[in-house]
């Protein structure tokens, strides 16, 4: 059986932490920023860990076990 290929879209969007968790960026930070508060925009700038429900599919896309 051949090796599984990493999904190129997932490769750009997700990254692994040192402990093996999967990091992602927040959405809604690209345009229409004038109506959003400073606090909201600041908090959208940080990375977050993906939800437990999505870990299995994200690991599959990244070709991880």
Protein backbone atom coordinates (compact mmCIF):
# COMPACT_ATOMS: atom_id res chain seq x y z
CA UNK A 1 0.00 0.00 0.00
CA UNK A 2 1.46 3.42 -0.91
CA UNK A 3 2.07 6.17 1.58
CA UNK A 4 -0.81 8.55 2.20
CA UNK A 5 -0.33 12.07 0.83
CA UNK A 6 -0.79 15.15 3.00
CA UNK A 7 -3.69 17.36 1.91
CA UNK A 8 -2.10 20.61 0.63
CA UNK A 9 -4.92 22.79 2.01
CA UNK A 10 -4.60 21.24 5.46
CA UNK A 11 -0.82 21.63 5.32
CA UNK A 12 -1.27 25.40 4.96
CA UNK A 13 -3.96 25.74 7.65
CA UNK A 14 -2.84 23.47 10.49
CA UNK A 15 0.39 23.01 12.42
CA UNK A 16 1.43 20.73 15.24
CA UNK A 17 2.41 21.81 18.72
CA UNK A 18 5.28 20.21 20.58
CA UNK A 19 2.88 17.92 22.43
CA UNK A 20 1.20 16.74 19.21
CA UNK A 21 -1.95 18.85 19.35
CA UNK A 22 -3.14 20.56 16.16
CA UNK A 23 -3.16 24.37 16.00
CA UNK A 24 -5.34 26.51 13.77
CA UNK A 25 -5.95 30.21 13.09
CA UNK A 26 -9.26 31.93 13.78
CA UNK A 27 -11.62 32.90 10.97
CA UNK A 28 -13.13 36.40 10.37
CA UNK A 29 -9.82 38.30 10.44
CA UNK A 30 -9.45 39.05 6.72
CA UNK A 31 -11.88 41.86 5.82
CA UNK A 32 -14.73 44.02 7.18
CA UNK A 33 -12.56 44.81 10.19
CA UNK A 34 -13.80 48.36 10.85
CA UNK A 35 -16.97 47.19 12.59
CA UNK A 36 -15.12 44.72 14.82
CA UNK A 37 -13.79 45.87 18.17
CA UNK A 38 -10.07 46.03 18.95
CA UNK A 39 -10.48 43.30 21.52
CA UNK A 40 -12.26 41.00 19.06
CA UNK A 41 -9.63 41.53 16.35
CA UNK A 42 -6.81 41.02 18.83
CA UNK A 43 -8.26 37.74 20.05
CA UNK A 44 -8.82 36.52 16.49
CA UNK A 45 -5.10 36.97 15.84
CA UNK A 46 -4.05 34.20 18.22
CA UNK A 47 -3.81 30.51 17.38
CA UNK A 48 -6.11 27.99 19.05
CA UNK A 49 -6.25 24.21 19.40
CA UNK A 50 -8.76 22.48 17.12
CA UNK A 51 -11.92 21.01 18.62
CA UNK A 52 -11.84 17.42 19.85
CA UNK A 53 -14.56 16.47 17.34
CA UNK A 54 -12.30 17.48 14.42
CA UNK A 55 -9.02 15.92 15.56
CA UNK A 56 -9.54 12.60 13.76
CA UNK A 57 -10.34 14.18 10.38
CA UNK A 58 -7.54 16.76 10.68
CA UNK A 59 -4.99 14.06 11.49
CA UNK A 60 -6.24 12.09 8.47
CA UNK A 61 -5.77 15.13 6.21
CA UNK A 62 -2.27 15.70 7.58
CA UNK A 63 -1.45 11.98 7.05
CA UNK A 64 -0.69 11.46 10.74
CA UNK A 65 -1.50 8.33 12.72
